[in-house]
Protein backbone atom coordinates (compact mmCIF):
# COMPACT_ATOMS: atom_id res chain seq x y z
CA MET A 1 -77.43 25.59 -39.41
CA PHE A 2 -75.53 26.70 -42.32
CA LEU A 3 -72.20 26.11 -40.87
CA LEU A 4 -73.22 22.65 -39.87
CA THR A 5 -74.36 21.79 -43.45
CA THR A 6 -71.26 23.36 -45.05
CA THR A 7 -68.99 21.40 -42.69
CA LYS A 8 -71.04 18.04 -43.52
CA THR A 9 -70.71 18.81 -47.22
CA VAL A 10 -66.91 19.36 -46.90
CA ALA A 11 -66.57 16.17 -44.99
CA VAL A 12 -68.46 14.20 -47.58
CA THR A 13 -66.22 15.75 -50.44
CA VAL A 14 -63.05 14.77 -48.45
CA LEU A 15 -64.54 11.18 -48.23
CA LEU A 16 -65.16 11.05 -51.96
CA LEU A 17 -61.75 12.47 -52.58
CA MET A 18 -60.18 9.79 -50.57
CA LEU A 19 -62.02 7.30 -52.65
CA PHE A 20 -60.80 8.78 -55.84
CA HIS A 21 -57.25 8.85 -54.53
CA THR A 22 -57.30 5.23 -53.76
CA ALA A 23 -57.95 4.54 -57.49
CA GLY A 24 -55.63 1.71 -58.78
CA CYS A 25 -54.21 1.57 -62.25
CA ALA A 26 -54.86 -1.35 -64.58
CA ASN A 27 -51.28 -2.45 -64.30
CA SER A 28 -52.00 -6.03 -65.40
CA GLU A 29 -54.22 -8.12 -67.67
CA ALA A 30 -56.33 -10.92 -66.51
CA LYS A 31 -54.66 -14.15 -67.86
CA SER A 32 -56.45 -17.43 -68.63
CA LEU A 33 -55.89 -20.07 -66.12
CA ASN A 34 -55.29 -23.82 -66.25
CA TYR A 35 -58.47 -25.75 -65.40
CA GLN A 36 -59.45 -29.19 -64.49
CA VAL A 37 -62.62 -30.65 -66.11
CA ASP A 38 -64.56 -30.17 -62.81
CA ASP A 39 -63.10 -26.66 -61.87
CA GLU A 40 -65.48 -23.53 -61.56
CA LEU A 41 -64.22 -20.06 -62.23
CA VAL A 42 -65.61 -16.74 -60.56
CA VAL A 43 -64.74 -13.59 -62.36
CA LEU A 44 -64.49 -11.04 -59.75
CA ALA A 45 -64.94 -7.34 -60.40
CA HIS A 46 -64.07 -4.30 -58.23
CA GLY A 47 -65.76 -0.94 -57.76
CA LEU A 48 -65.15 2.60 -58.43
CA GLY A 49 -61.70 3.84 -57.61
CA ARG A 50 -60.31 0.56 -56.62
CA SER A 51 -58.12 -2.12 -58.25
CA ASP A 52 -57.88 -5.90 -58.14
CA TRP A 53 -56.06 -5.73 -54.86
CA ALA A 54 -59.23 -4.40 -53.28
CA MET A 55 -60.77 -7.78 -53.69
CA TRP A 56 -57.89 -9.94 -52.41
CA ARG A 57 -59.78 -10.96 -49.25
CA PHE A 58 -62.99 -11.84 -51.09
CA ALA A 59 -60.88 -13.82 -53.80
CA GLN A 60 -59.08 -15.68 -51.00
CA ARG A 61 -62.53 -16.68 -49.43
CA LEU A 62 -63.77 -17.91 -52.68
CA GLU A 63 -60.54 -20.06 -53.20
CA HIS A 64 -60.86 -21.52 -49.76
CA ALA A 65 -64.26 -22.74 -51.17
CA ASN A 66 -62.56 -24.31 -53.97
CA TYR A 67 -63.32 -21.78 -56.75
CA LYS A 68 -60.74 -20.59 -59.31
CA VAL A 69 -60.62 -16.73 -59.14
CA CYS A 70 -59.97 -14.31 -61.95
CA ARG A 71 -59.71 -10.78 -60.52
CA LEU A 72 -60.27 -8.02 -63.10
CA ASP A 73 -58.12 -4.84 -62.79
CA TYR A 74 -59.30 -1.73 -64.62
CA ALA A 75 -58.91 1.97 -64.13
CA THR A 76 -62.34 3.74 -63.29
CA ILE A 77 -61.33 7.49 -62.40
CA GLY A 78 -60.94 10.07 -65.18
CA VAL A 79 -62.04 7.58 -67.89
CA SER A 80 -64.98 6.96 -70.01
CA VAL A 81 -67.62 4.31 -69.67
CA ALA A 82 -66.74 2.85 -73.04
CA SER A 83 -63.00 2.66 -72.08
CA VAL A 84 -63.88 0.62 -68.95
CA LEU A 85 -66.22 -1.61 -70.83
CA ASP A 86 -63.53 -2.37 -73.51
CA GLU A 87 -60.90 -3.09 -71.10
CA THR A 88 -62.93 -5.29 -68.84
CA THR A 89 -64.22 -7.21 -72.01
CA SER A 90 -60.52 -8.11 -72.99
CA GLN A 91 -59.84 -9.28 -69.41
CA ILE A 92 -63.00 -11.30 -69.14
CA ASP A 93 -62.44 -12.75 -72.57
CA ALA A 94 -58.97 -13.83 -71.34
CA CYS A 95 -60.48 -15.21 -68.16
CA LEU A 96 -62.97 -17.40 -69.94
CA GLN A 97 -60.60 -19.22 -72.18
CA ASN A 98 -61.02 -22.80 -71.50
CA ALA A 99 -63.05 -22.38 -68.35
CA PRO A 100 -65.43 -25.36 -67.95
CA LYS A 101 -67.91 -23.31 -65.86
CA VAL A 102 -68.06 -19.67 -64.85
CA HIS A 103 -69.66 -17.61 -62.25
CA PHE A 104 -69.66 -13.75 -62.07
CA VAL A 105 -69.37 -11.61 -58.77
CA GLY A 106 -69.26 -7.84 -58.78
CA HIS A 107 -68.97 -5.18 -56.20
CA SER A 108 -70.68 -1.85 -56.71
CA LEU A 109 -69.57 -0.65 -60.25
CA GLY A 110 -68.21 -4.13 -60.87
CA GLY A 111 -71.75 -5.36 -60.98
CA LEU A 112 -72.67 -3.03 -63.78
CA VAL A 113 -69.50 -4.04 -65.69
CA ILE A 114 -70.62 -7.79 -65.36
CA ARG A 115 -74.05 -6.92 -66.49
CA ALA A 116 -72.71 -5.05 -69.47
CA TYR A 117 -70.65 -8.06 -70.41
CA LEU A 118 -73.41 -10.60 -69.96
CA GLN A 119 -75.62 -8.39 -72.24
CA ASN A 120 -73.12 -7.68 -74.98
CA HIS A 121 -71.03 -10.91 -75.36
CA GLU A 122 -73.59 -13.83 -75.83
CA GLU A 123 -71.10 -15.49 -78.33
CA ALA A 124 -68.03 -15.60 -76.04
CA LEU A 125 -70.55 -17.10 -73.39
CA GLU A 126 -71.75 -19.88 -75.51
CA ALA A 127 -68.47 -21.48 -75.11
CA VAL A 128 -68.73 -21.97 -71.35
CA ASP A 129 -71.21 -23.15 -68.80
CA VAL A 130 -72.48 -19.92 -67.22
CA GLY A 131 -73.59 -20.53 -63.50
CA GLU A 132 -74.54 -17.98 -61.08
CA VAL A 133 -74.29 -14.14 -60.85
CA VAL A 134 -73.90 -12.15 -57.60
CA LEU A 135 -74.31 -8.32 -57.62
CA ILE A 136 -73.04 -6.82 -54.17
CA GLY A 137 -73.96 -3.16 -53.48
CA THR A 138 -74.42 -2.38 -57.20
CA PRO A 139 -76.16 0.88 -58.08
CA ASN A 140 -78.39 -0.81 -60.57
CA LYS A 141 -80.52 2.25 -60.66
CA GLY A 142 -77.83 4.82 -59.90
CA SER A 143 -76.90 6.49 -56.52
CA GLU A 144 -78.58 9.47 -54.95
CA LEU A 145 -75.19 10.55 -53.67
CA ALA A 146 -73.92 10.89 -57.36
CA ASP A 147 -77.07 13.02 -58.11
CA TYR A 148 -76.12 15.36 -55.35
CA TYR A 149 -72.56 15.83 -56.71
CA SER A 150 -73.61 15.46 -60.39
CA ASP A 151 -72.85 19.12 -61.31
CA SER A 152 -69.77 19.52 -59.08
CA TRP A 153 -66.14 19.73 -59.92
CA LEU A 154 -65.63 16.51 -58.02
CA MET A 155 -67.71 14.65 -60.75
CA SER A 156 -65.57 16.36 -63.37
CA LEU A 157 -62.53 15.00 -61.75
CA GLY A 158 -64.01 11.54 -61.56
CA GLY A 159 -64.81 11.28 -65.22
CA GLY A 160 -67.45 9.57 -67.31
CA VAL A 161 -67.72 6.68 -65.11
CA SER A 162 -68.50 8.59 -62.17
CA ARG A 163 -71.07 10.73 -63.92
CA ALA A 164 -72.82 7.63 -65.26
CA LEU A 165 -73.52 6.43 -61.61
CA VAL A 166 -76.39 8.96 -61.14
CA THR A 167 -80.15 7.88 -61.18
CA GLY A 168 -82.54 8.45 -64.12
CA THR A 169 -82.10 8.21 -67.70
CA ARG A 170 -78.29 8.90 -67.59
CA SER A 171 -77.52 6.07 -65.35
CA LEU A 172 -75.39 3.37 -66.78
CA GLY A 173 -77.51 0.68 -64.76
CA ASN A 174 -80.81 2.05 -66.13
CA ASN A 175 -79.37 1.86 -69.57
CA LEU A 176 -78.57 -1.80 -69.46
CA ASP A 177 -80.87 -4.46 -70.58
CA ALA A 178 -82.56 -7.18 -68.36
CA ILE A 179 -80.41 -10.30 -68.68
CA ASP A 180 -81.46 -13.74 -68.41
CA PHE A 181 -79.20 -15.28 -66.05
CA ASN A 182 -79.63 -16.61 -62.30
CA ILE A 183 -78.97 -13.35 -60.37
CA GLY A 184 -78.51 -12.74 -56.72
CA VAL A 185 -78.39 -9.42 -55.14
CA ILE A 186 -76.78 -8.33 -51.91
CA ALA A 187 -77.65 -4.91 -50.46
CA GLY A 188 -75.91 -3.28 -47.44
CA THR A 189 -77.77 -1.51 -44.75
CA LYS A 190 -75.38 0.16 -42.73
CA PRO A 191 -75.32 3.80 -43.35
CA LEU A 192 -72.87 6.43 -43.11
CA GLY A 193 -73.63 9.47 -40.83
CA LEU A 194 -72.05 11.74 -43.33
CA THR A 195 -74.21 10.72 -46.35
CA ASN A 196 -77.41 9.23 -44.76
CA ASP A 197 -79.58 12.50 -45.26
CA ARG A 198 -78.94 12.31 -49.02
CA PHE A 199 -81.07 9.02 -49.06
CA LYS A 200 -84.70 8.45 -48.57
CA GLY A 201 -84.43 5.02 -47.21
CA PRO A 202 -82.08 2.24 -46.15
CA ASN A 203 -78.68 2.50 -47.70
CA ASP A 204 -74.99 1.41 -47.23
CA GLY A 205 -73.61 4.88 -47.26
CA LEU A 206 -73.12 5.11 -51.02
CA VAL A 207 -76.02 3.20 -52.60
CA SER A 208 -79.67 2.73 -51.53
CA VAL A 209 -81.11 -0.66 -50.91
CA GLU A 210 -83.79 0.27 -53.53
CA SER A 211 -81.23 0.92 -56.08
CA THR A 212 -79.41 -2.44 -55.92
CA LYS A 213 -82.78 -4.34 -56.78
CA LEU A 214 -82.89 -5.50 -60.34
CA GLU A 215 -85.76 -6.57 -62.49
CA GLY A 216 -85.56 -10.44 -62.71
CA MET A 217 -83.26 -11.20 -59.95
CA SER A 218 -83.61 -14.56 -58.62
CA ASP A 219 -82.92 -13.81 -55.00
CA PHE A 220 -82.21 -10.74 -52.78
CA ILE A 221 -80.82 -10.29 -49.22
CA THR A 222 -79.85 -7.30 -47.01
CA ILE A 223 -76.84 -7.53 -44.73
CA GLU A 224 -75.96 -4.89 -42.08
CA VAL A 225 -72.75 -3.82 -43.60
CA GLY A 226 -71.29 -0.47 -45.15
CA HIS A 227 -70.63 -0.19 -48.92
CA SER A 228 -66.76 -0.46 -48.81
CA GLN A 229 -66.74 -3.14 -45.96
CA MET A 230 -68.58 -5.35 -48.29
CA ARG A 231 -65.44 -6.49 -49.76
CA TYR A 232 -64.16 -7.71 -46.37
CA SER A 233 -67.22 -9.03 -44.76
CA GLU A 234 -67.35 -12.66 -43.98
CA GLU A 235 -71.08 -12.85 -44.05
CA VAL A 236 -71.15 -11.20 -47.65
CA ALA A 237 -68.53 -13.78 -48.87
CA ASN A 238 -70.51 -16.52 -47.19
CA GLN A 239 -73.89 -15.65 -48.72
CA THR A 240 -72.11 -15.12 -52.02
CA ILE A 241 -70.67 -18.78 -51.90
CA HIS A 242 -74.03 -20.02 -50.87
CA PHE A 243 -75.57 -18.56 -53.91
CA LEU A 244 -73.00 -19.85 -56.18
CA GLN A 245 -73.47 -23.27 -54.76
CA LYS A 246 -77.36 -23.46 -54.20
CA GLY A 247 -78.53 -20.81 -56.65
CA ALA A 248 -80.05 -18.96 -53.72
CA PHE A 249 -79.03 -17.22 -50.51
CA ASP A 250 -79.23 -18.78 -47.05
CA HIS A 251 -82.17 -16.99 -45.58
């Protein structure tokens, strides 16, 4: 039993290291786009250990639905929460310049980035028509998996952002205020065999369904998909587009 547990822990550690090593550098700044009067923009935010490239397929599907897309690109590994929020604030400000209407879509950590911006930048938002907000697999109450590794060298490697994804009072999500926007939440229900025993209920392998739920959300839906695959899932993209268009998911 000890050998099995140790082997499983090593496997999960390798999995998380692979996530960290895919980290993209913020090598470009979001730039303002040229808009027509009836254009609608989607600000699209990626998750931990990723870059704007991780959201290319999702962005393509949004563009096919006639949305303009501004993909954020920011470093998340080995940096502080303040650094991420400063960087993404600058990029979102650039995205919003002259935009007639804007929606926000965030995967995982990207949802927390969006929540922080919407909470802290009311003045910038007054200049645009804010539409819908979709949070996909976002650890709004933190991740039990992050709790398990909270005191490990792996979290030290991950930096301040990784440590802020725990549950409880240190959780970034729990320290953000409720925001008065039309918010739809998508949760995944396809667990990982390597991590499933770290959760007490349904989860997507990295985030529990319960953690994705947000006080004041307008709609909620679960989809049988794993955390990372949400970015590529046609069903997740279609439900997101439906929410942007109708203000509710297609139940």
